[in-house]
């Protein structure tokens, strides 16, 4: 490549980067069907992804995002020609947005010439994917042996900035946080440094549990691009980790509003609400989240806790039963189920669960206290007192009080 053409390519890359920031800056409210299709895709739930993607077209205008999510679902279903049709519709509305997916689809049907052509278009677009994404995806294996493919990659498509960004993401994904931070430190040299650099360094700090440093970086990222709602969500995550829950709640609510209602932010909001003992709100927020991500094990576990704290014992038991099918020896869930049985006047079933917790040395002091309370309901005062005594000797103040009031009189 000559100097003049190289300079032209770099200028083109800079213009594309600015355009991409503008594209990503604007958020719009999408129909619930779209978010559900995205969530189903993430969970490899192809059937529901297709169903929800089709539901997006129940109302006009037809947005390119609808065609894109439908194309991804069809691609996941191995319906390649139909996926290509959907992606081409997306391309008509936003040039380049489906170029990578079209390249994949054409490779998968053996049309290597169109695969290469759409790869070229992707590399020339604001939606340019990193080279590693092509190298590591086996969908491109038939094209990679061709001279035309190899010649395509003789062009240096990526600026030094992009290369560092891609490598930093690679380091973070492989838990090499210190190396990623060192690389990004060299790039962050002035107040004019790009928001994405601060975002990535913030992510590295967050994963390394340097929460204050992460928060500062996410704040810097947001100051540089106030249209990017994800920077607000990352601030909320850092603040939550720092136990600054009032500020965290403000930030996550702003992120949800700016994003047009992204459901994946609801999990963090529910966690923050629980810190204020706003159990009913946390529970309802989590129920909404689970409409989109019904198999998220963390969310199901939290739903059981929040339902219990809110007094929705039947729902809590249903959530626990679902989780115990996946993890039958989860002693935390077993203890929680015992608490519900105790609350709902089923002391004999509660005792069984408390004994399981005790046998696994889980929250031993609390488990003995709860077993004692269940035994007391069954009229087994002497055995209850033994449990209160053991729990009290382990430092449980409530058990000491129960022993004094029940067993010393």
Protein backbone atom coordinates (compact mmCIF):
# COMPACT_ATOMS: atom_id res chain seq x y z
CA UNK A 1 0.00 0.00 0.00
CA UNK A 2 1.37 3.44 -0.93
CA UNK A 3 1.71 6.26 1.59
CA UNK A 4 -1.11 8.25 0.01
CA UNK A 5 -3.49 5.29 -0.10
CA UNK A 6 -2.52 4.36 3.48
CA UNK A 7 -3.23 7.89 4.64
CA UNK A 8 -6.55 7.83 2.82
CA UNK A 9 -7.50 4.54 4.48
CA UNK A 10 -6.65 5.94 7.93
CA UNK A 11 -8.78 9.04 7.24
CA UNK A 12 -11.61 6.79 6.09
CA UNK A 13 -11.29 4.75 9.31
CA UNK A 14 -11.42 7.92 11.42
CA UNK A 15 -14.57 9.11 9.64
CA UNK A 16 -16.20 5.71 10.09
CA UNK A 17 -15.36 5.70 13.81
CA UNK A 18 -17.09 9.07 14.25
CA UNK A 19 -20.12 7.81 12.32
CA UNK A 20 -20.31 4.70 14.50
CA UNK A 21 -20.33 6.79 17.69
CA UNK A 22 -23.22 8.78 16.27
CA UNK A 23 -25.11 5.62 15.32
CA UNK A 24 -24.66 4.04 18.72
CA UNK A 25 -25.53 7.23 20.56
CA UNK A 26 -29.25 7.23 19.93
CA UNK A 27 -31.49 4.81 21.77
CA UNK A 28 -35.08 4.11 20.98
CA UNK A 29 -37.84 2.20 22.67
CA UNK A 30 -38.19 -1.20 21.06
CA UNK A 31 -41.20 -3.53 21.39
CA UNK A 32 -41.04 -6.23 24.04
CA UNK A 33 -40.98 -8.85 21.31
CA UNK A 34 -37.63 -7.51 20.10
CA UNK A 35 -36.02 -7.73 23.53
CA UNK A 36 -37.46 -11.21 24.01
CA UNK A 37 -36.07 -12.31 20.63
CA UNK A 38 -32.62 -10.98 21.59
CA UNK A 39 -32.74 -12.76 24.94
CA UNK A 40 -33.85 -16.03 23.33
CA UNK A 41 -30.99 -15.78 20.83
CA UNK A 42 -28.54 -15.30 23.69
CA UNK A 43 -29.94 -18.43 25.34
CA UNK A 44 -29.81 -20.41 22.04
CA UNK A 45 -33.58 -20.79 22.28
CA UNK A 46 -34.02 -20.73 18.51
CA UNK A 47 -37.71 -21.59 18.38
CA UNK A 48 -38.75 -18.74 20.65
CA UNK A 49 -36.25 -16.38 19.04
CA UNK A 50 -37.95 -16.95 15.67
CA UNK A 51 -41.40 -16.55 17.16
CA UNK A 52 -40.58 -13.29 18.91
CA UNK A 53 -38.67 -11.98 15.88
CA UNK A 54 -41.77 -12.50 13.72
CA UNK A 55 -43.85 -10.71 16.36
CA UNK A 56 -41.73 -7.59 15.89
CA UNK A 57 -43.41 -7.06 12.52
CA UNK A 58 -46.89 -6.75 14.01
CA UNK A 59 -46.53 -2.97 13.99
CA UNK A 60 -44.95 -0.50 11.60
CA UNK A 61 -42.49 1.01 10.91
CA UNK A 62 -40.33 -2.02 10.21
CA UNK A 63 -36.91 -1.22 11.63
CA UNK A 64 -33.63 -2.67 10.46
CA UNK A 65 -33.15 -4.14 13.96
CA UNK A 66 -36.18 -6.39 13.38
CA UNK A 67 -34.72 -7.81 10.18
CA UNK A 68 -31.36 -8.20 11.87
CA UNK A 69 -32.67 -10.16 14.85
CA UNK A 70 -34.84 -12.29 12.55
CA UNK A 71 -31.85 -13.02 10.34
CA UNK A 72 -29.78 -14.08 13.35
CA UNK A 73 -32.55 -16.40 14.50
CA UNK A 74 -32.87 -17.93 11.03
CA UNK A 75 -29.11 -18.34 10.86
CA UNK A 76 -29.18 -20.09 14.24
CA UNK A 77 -31.90 -22.37 12.82
CA UNK A 78 -29.65 -23.19 9.81
CA UNK A 79 -32.20 -21.62 7.47
CA UNK A 80 -29.48 -19.82 5.57
CA UNK A 81 -31.28 -18.55 2.47
CA UNK A 82 -34.10 -17.08 4.56
CA UNK A 83 -31.51 -15.50 6.85
CA UNK A 84 -29.85 -13.89 3.84
CA UNK A 85 -33.17 -12.38 2.75
CA UNK A 86 -33.70 -10.88 6.21
CA UNK A 87 -30.15 -9.51 6.38
CA UNK A 88 -30.48 -7.92 2.92
CA UNK A 89 -33.64 -6.17 4.15
CA UNK A 90 -31.65 -4.82 7.10
CA UNK A 91 -28.91 -3.66 4.72
CA UNK A 92 -31.44 -1.68 2.69
CA UNK A 93 -32.20 0.39 5.77
CA UNK A 94 -28.70 0.67 7.26
CA UNK A 95 -25.74 -0.07 5.03
CA UNK A 96 -23.17 -2.36 6.65
CA UNK A 97 -25.25 -3.37 9.67
CA UNK A 98 -25.71 -6.97 8.49
CA UNK A 99 -22.56 -7.28 6.38
CA UNK A 100 -20.72 -9.64 8.73
CA UNK A 101 -23.76 -11.89 9.07
CA UNK A 102 -24.25 -11.95 5.30
CA UNK A 103 -20.61 -12.95 4.87
CA UNK A 104 -21.16 -15.82 7.31
CA UNK A 105 -24.39 -16.93 5.66
CA UNK A 106 -22.92 -16.94 2.16
CA UNK A 107 -19.94 -18.95 3.37
CA UNK A 108 -22.27 -21.45 5.00
CA UNK A 109 -24.10 -22.08 1.70
CA UNK A 110 -20.78 -22.37 -0.14
CA UNK A 111 -20.99 -19.09 -2.06
CA UNK A 112 -17.42 -18.02 -1.28
CA UNK A 113 -17.34 -15.14 -3.76
CA UNK A 114 -20.27 -13.40 -2.08
CA UNK A 115 -18.81 -14.35 1.30
CA UNK A 116 -15.60 -12.51 0.39
CA UNK A 117 -17.50 -9.57 -1.08
CA UNK A 118 -19.60 -9.10 2.06
CA UNK A 119 -16.50 -9.48 4.22
CA UNK A 120 -14.96 -6.64 2.23
CA UNK A 121 -18.07 -4.54 2.75
CA UNK A 122 -17.94 -5.23 6.49
CA UNK A 123 -14.31 -4.19 6.69
CA UNK A 124 -15.14 -0.96 4.87
CA UNK A 125 -18.10 -0.17 7.14
CA UNK A 126 -18.61 1.37 10.57
CA UNK A 127 -19.65 -2.09 11.73
CA UNK A 128 -16.22 -3.58 11.00
CA UNK A 129 -15.55 -6.72 13.07
CA UNK A 130 -12.07 -7.54 14.42
CA UNK A 131 -9.92 -9.87 12.34
CA UNK A 132 -9.90 -12.45 15.14
CA UNK A 133 -13.67 -12.86 14.77
CA UNK A 134 -13.13 -14.05 11.21
CA UNK A 135 -10.10 -16.19 12.05
CA UNK A 136 -11.76 -18.04 14.93
CA UNK A 137 -15.14 -18.62 13.28
CA UNK A 138 -15.23 -21.96 11.49
CA UNK A 139 -18.03 -20.68 9.23
CA UNK A 140 -15.32 -19.02 7.13
CA UNK A 141 -13.05 -22.05 6.79
CA UNK A 142 -13.96 -22.70 3.15
CA UNK A 143 -13.12 -19.15 2.14
CA UNK A 144 -9.89 -18.91 4.11
CA UNK A 145 -8.05 -21.26 1.76
CA UNK A 146 -8.81 -19.08 -1.29
CA UNK A 147 -6.28 -16.66 -2.73
CA UNK A 148 -8.99 -13.98 -2.99
CA UNK A 149 -9.58 -14.23 0.76
CA UNK A 150 -5.87 -14.05 1.54
CA UNK A 151 -5.45 -11.05 -0.76
CA UNK A 152 -8.33 -9.30 1.01
CA UNK A 153 -6.41 -9.42 4.27
CA UNK A 154 -3.25 -7.91 2.75
CA UNK A 155 -4.89 -4.53 3.31
CA UNK A 156 -4.36 -3.09 6.77
CA UNK A 157 -8.00 -2.48 7.62
CA UNK A 158 -7.48 -1.49 11.26
CA UNK A 159 -5.96 1.63 12.75
CA UNK A 160 -3.41 1.29 15.59
CA UNK A 161 -6.15 2.52 17.93
CA UNK A 162 -8.53 -0.25 16.82
CA UNK A 163 -5.83 -2.88 17.18
CA UNK A 164 -5.18 -1.81 20.77
CA UNK A 165 -8.90 -1.80 21.51
CA UNK A 166 -9.31 -5.32 20.15
CA UNK A 167 -6.27 -6.57 22.05
CA UNK A 168 -7.46 -4.96 25.29
CA UNK A 169 -10.82 -6.71 24.91
CA UNK A 170 -8.98 -9.98 24.32
CA UNK A 171 -6.87 -9.49 27.46
CA UNK A 172 -9.92 -8.70 29.59
CA UNK A 173 -11.82 -11.73 28.27
CA UNK A 174 -8.84 -13.87 29.29
CA UNK A 175 -8.65 -12.27 32.76
CA UNK A 176 -5.31 -10.57 32.06
CA UNK A 177 -6.53 -7.41 33.76
CA UNK A 178 -3.19 -5.89 34.74
CA UNK A 179 -1.83 -6.25 31.21
CA UNK A 180 -5.00 -4.72 29.77
CA UNK A 181 -4.78 -1.78 32.18
CA UNK A 182 -1.12 -1.24 31.30
CA UNK A 183 -1.95 -1.20 27.59
CA UNK A 184 -4.84 1.22 28.07
CA UNK A 185 -2.78 3.49 30.34
CA UNK A 186 -0.44 4.09 27.41
CA UNK A 187 -3.39 5.14 25.26
CA UNK A 188 -5.07 7.37 27.86
CA UNK A 189 -2.75 10.36 27.80
CA UNK A 190 -4.99 13.41 27.77
CA UNK A 191 -8.45 14.79 28.37
CA UNK A 192 -9.13 14.11 24.68
CA UNK A 193 -8.76 10.35 25.08
CA UNK A 194 -11.74 8.43 23.71
CA UNK A 195 -14.61 7.21 25.86
CA UNK A 196 -14.08 3.60 24.79
CA UNK A 197 -10.60 3.59 26.33
CA UNK A 198 -11.98 4.63 29.71
CA UNK A 199 -14.80 2.11 29.38
CA UNK A 200 -12.38 -0.77 28.76
CA UNK A 201 -10.04 0.25 31.55
CA UNK A 202 -13.06 0.56 33.82
CA UNK A 203 -14.13 -2.97 32.90
CA UNK A 204 -10.64 -4.27 33.68
CA UNK A 205 -10.67 -2.49 37.06
CA UNK A 206 -14.19 -3.77 37.77
CA UNK A 207 -13.21 -7.38 37.09
CA UNK A 208 -10.08 -6.90 39.20
CA UNK A 209 -12.34 -5.57 42.00
CA UNK A 210 -10.80 -2.10 41.93
CA UNK A 211 -14.26 -0.58 42.20
CA UNK A 212 -13.32 3.05 42.92
CA UNK A 213 -10.97 3.15 39.93
CA UNK A 214 -13.61 1.48 37.77
CA UNK A 215 -16.19 4.08 38.80
CA UNK A 216 -13.86 6.94 37.91
CA UNK A 217 -13.21 5.48 34.47
CA UNK A 218 -16.91 4.93 33.74
CA UNK A 219 -17.62 8.52 34.81
CA UNK A 220 -14.90 9.73 32.44
CA UNK A 221 -16.35 7.62 29.64
CA UNK A 222 -19.81 9.09 30.21
CA UNK A 223 -18.47 12.64 30.27
CA UNK A 224 -17.08 12.01 26.79
CA UNK A 225 -20.21 10.35 25.42
CA UNK A 226 -23.37 11.10 27.36
CA UNK A 227 -25.49 9.30 24.80
CA UNK A 228 -24.08 5.90 25.74
CA UNK A 229 -26.38 4.43 28.37
CA UNK A 230 -24.05 1.50 29.06
CA UNK A 231 -21.62 3.86 30.80
CA UNK A 232 -24.38 4.72 33.27
CA UNK A 233 -25.10 1.04 33.83
CA UNK A 234 -21.42 0.33 34.50
CA UNK A 235 -21.32 3.23 36.95
CA UNK A 236 -24.30 1.67 38.74
CA UNK A 237 -22.48 -1.67 38.91
CA UNK A 238 -19.38 -0.04 40.41
CA UNK A 239 -21.43 1.99 42.90
CA UNK A 240 -23.36 -1.12 43.93
CA UNK A 241 -20.06 -2.91 44.53
CA UNK A 242 -18.96 0.05 46.67
CA UNK A 243 -22.24 -0.17 48.63
CA UNK A 244 -23.23 3.31 47.44
CA UNK A 245 -26.70 2.06 46.66
CA UNK A 246 -28.59 5.35 46.49
CA UNK A 247 -26.35 6.62 43.72
CA UNK A 248 -26.37 3.18 42.09
CA UNK A 249 -30.17 3.20 41.89
CA UNK A 250 -30.19 6.65 40.30
CA UNK A 251 -27.67 5.59 37.67
CA UNK A 252 -29.34 2.32 36.72
CA UNK A 253 -32.73 4.01 36.42
CA UNK A 254 -31.16 6.62 34.13
CA UNK A 255 -29.56 3.85 32.08
CA UNK A 256 -32.91 2.08 31.69
CA UNK A 257 -34.59 5.33 30.66
CA UNK A 258 -31.87 6.35 28.18
CA UNK A 259 -31.72 2.87 26.65
CA UNK A 260 -35.42 2.84 25.88
CA UNK A 261 -36.09 0.16 28.47
CA UNK A 262 -33.40 -2.48 28.06
CA UNK A 263 -34.53 -5.49 30.16
CA UNK A 264 -31.02 -6.77 30.88
CA UNK A 265 -30.50 -3.80 33.22
CA UNK A 266 -33.37 -4.95 35.44
CA UNK A 267 -31.33 -7.60 37.24
CA UNK A 268 -28.95 -5.03 38.67
CA UNK A 269 -31.84 -2.73 39.57
CA UNK A 270 -33.50 -5.57 41.52
CA UNK A 271 -30.27 -6.24 43.41
CA UNK A 272 -29.92 -2.58 44.33
CA UNK A 273 -33.53 -2.36 45.52
CA UNK A 274 -32.93 -5.36 47.77
CA UNK A 275 -30.18 -3.42 49.53
CA UNK A 276 -32.89 -1.01 50.77
CA UNK A 277 -35.10 -3.94 51.85
CA UNK A 278 -37.57 -2.84 49.17
CA UNK A 279 -38.37 -6.49 48.67
CA UNK A 280 -41.66 -6.19 46.81
CA UNK A 281 -40.19 -3.78 44.28
CA UNK A 282 -37.11 -5.96 43.88
CA UNK A 283 -39.33 -8.99 43.40
CA UNK A 284 -41.53 -7.34 40.76
CA UNK A 285 -38.46 -6.00 38.93
CA UNK A 286 -36.94 -9.46 38.88
CA UNK A 287 -40.19 -11.00 37.63
CA UNK A 288 -40.06 -8.60 34.70
CA UNK A 289 -36.42 -9.52 34.02
CA UNK A 290 -37.27 -13.23 34.03
CA UNK A 291 -39.84 -12.71 31.28
CA UNK A 292 -36.86 -12.14 29.01
CA UNK A 293 -34.27 -14.40 30.65
CA UNK A 294 -36.35 -17.22 32.17
CA UNK A 295 -33.40 -19.60 32.64
CA UNK A 296 -30.98 -17.24 34.36
CA UNK A 297 -30.05 -19.24 37.46
CA UNK A 298 -28.86 -16.23 39.45
CA UNK A 299 -32.15 -14.45 38.80
CA UNK A 300 -34.23 -17.51 39.75
CA UNK A 301 -32.30 -17.84 43.01
CA UNK A 302 -32.77 -14.15 43.78
CA UNK A 303 -36.45 -14.43 42.91
CA UNK A 304 -36.82 -17.11 45.57
CA UNK A 305 -35.14 -14.88 48.16
CA UNK A 306 -37.10 -11.76 47.25
CA UNK A 307 -40.38 -13.66 47.12
CA UNK A 308 -39.68 -15.04 50.61
CA UNK A 309 -38.85 -11.59 51.98
CA UNK A 310 -41.99 -10.18 50.34
CA UNK A 311 -44.18 -12.89 51.81
CA UNK A 312 -44.95 -14.53 48.45
CA UNK A 313 -44.21 -17.99 49.77
CA UNK A 314 -45.88 -20.02 47.03
CA UNK A 315 -43.86 -18.25 44.33
CA UNK A 316 -40.71 -18.66 46.40
CA UNK A 317 -41.32 -22.41 46.69
CA UNK A 318 -41.88 -22.67 42.92
CA UNK A 319 -38.60 -20.86 42.23
CA UNK A 320 -36.77 -23.08 44.71
CA UNK A 321 -38.22 -26.23 43.15
CA UNK A 322 -37.05 -25.09 39.72
CA UNK A 323 -33.54 -24.42 41.00
CA UNK A 324 -33.30 -27.67 42.97
CA UNK A 325 -33.95 -29.62 39.77
CA UNK A 326 -30.71 -28.12 38.46
CA UNK A 327 -28.80 -28.24 41.77
CA UNK A 328 -30.48 -30.70 44.15
CA UNK A 329 -27.79 -30.31 46.81
CA UNK A 330 -27.88 -26.53 46.98
CA UNK A 331 -27.97 -26.11 50.75
CA UNK A 332 -28.71 -22.40 50.58
CA UNK A 333 -31.98 -23.17 48.78
CA UNK A 334 -32.78 -26.01 51.14
CA UNK A 335 -32.39 -23.72 54.16
CA UNK A 336 -34.56 -21.07 52.50
CA UNK A 337 -37.24 -23.68 51.78
CA UNK A 338 -37.12 -24.69 55.44
CA UNK A 339 -37.72 -21.09 56.45
CA UNK A 340 -40.78 -20.95 54.21
CA UNK A 341 -42.13 -24.18 55.68
CA UNK A 342 -41.64 -22.69 59.14
CA UNK A 343 -43.44 -19.48 58.15
CA UNK A 344 -46.34 -21.44 56.65
CA UNK A 345 -46.86 -23.71 59.67
CA UNK A 346 -45.25 -26.80 58.21
CA UNK A 347 -42.69 -27.41 60.99
CA UNK A 348 -42.07 -31.09 60.28
CA UNK A 349 -40.98 -30.42 56.68
CA UNK A 350 -38.96 -27.46 57.95
CA UNK A 351 -37.05 -29.65 60.41
CA UNK A 352 -35.96 -31.97 57.58
CA UNK A 353 -34.47 -29.04 55.66
CA UNK A 354 -32.78 -27.53 58.73
CA UNK A 355 -31.19 -30.89 59.52
CA UNK A 356 -29.80 -31.06 55.97
CA UNK A 357 -28.27 -27.62 56.44
CA UNK A 358 -26.78 -28.64 59.79
CA UNK A 359 -25.34 -31.84 58.33
CA UNK A 360 -23.46 -29.75 55.76
CA UNK A 361 -22.29 -27.18 58.35
CA UNK A 362 -24.16 -24.43 56.52
CA UNK A 363 -25.07 -21.39 58.64
CA UNK A 364 -24.91 -23.73 61.59
CA UNK A 365 -25.91 -21.27 64.31
CA UNK A 366 -28.94 -20.04 62.36
CA UNK A 367 -29.91 -23.57 61.28
CA UNK A 368 -29.95 -24.81 64.91
CA UNK A 369 -32.02 -21.79 65.96
CA UNK A 370 -34.56 -22.42 63.20
CA UNK A 371 -34.70 -26.13 63.96
CA UNK A 372 -35.36 -25.26 67.59
CA UNK A 373 -38.24 -22.98 66.62
CA UNK A 374 -39.72 -25.72 64.43
CA UNK A 375 -39.39 -28.27 67.22
CA UNK A 376 -41.08 -25.88 69.60
CA UNK A 377 -44.06 -25.65 67.21
CA UNK A 378 -44.20 -29.44 67.27
CA UNK A 379 -44.32 -29.35 71.07
CA UNK A 380 -40.84 -30.87 71.49
CA UNK A 381 -39.61 -28.38 74.07
CA UNK A 382 -36.65 -30.40 75.36
CA UNK A 383 -35.20 -30.98 71.89
CA UNK A 384 -35.85 -27.35 70.99
CA UNK A 385 -33.87 -26.21 74.03
CA UNK A 386 -30.93 -28.35 72.95
CA UNK A 387 -30.94 -26.61 69.59
CA UNK A 388 -31.19 -23.15 71.21
CA UNK A 389 -28.29 -24.03 73.48
CA UNK A 390 -26.05 -25.12 70.59
CA UNK A 391 -26.97 -22.08 68.51
CA UNK A 392 -26.42 -19.76 71.48
CA UNK A 393 -23.00 -21.29 72.16
CA UNK A 394 -22.10 -20.43 68.54
CA UNK A 395 -22.87 -16.78 69.22
CA UNK A 396 -26.45 -16.43 67.98
CA UNK A 397 -28.04 -13.78 70.21
CA UNK A 398 -31.61 -14.66 69.17
CA UNK A 399 -30.99 -18.27 70.20
CA UNK A 400 -29.65 -17.12 73.57
CA UNK A 401 -32.85 -15.13 74.09
CA UNK A 402 -35.01 -18.05 73.03
CA UNK A 403 -33.16 -20.37 75.44
CA UNK A 404 -33.65 -17.94 78.33
CA UNK A 405 -37.36 -17.36 77.61
CA UNK A 406 -38.20 -20.97 76.79
CA UNK A 407 -35.86 -23.17 78.75
CA UNK A 408 -35.02 -21.24 81.92
CA UNK A 409 -38.60 -20.71 83.00
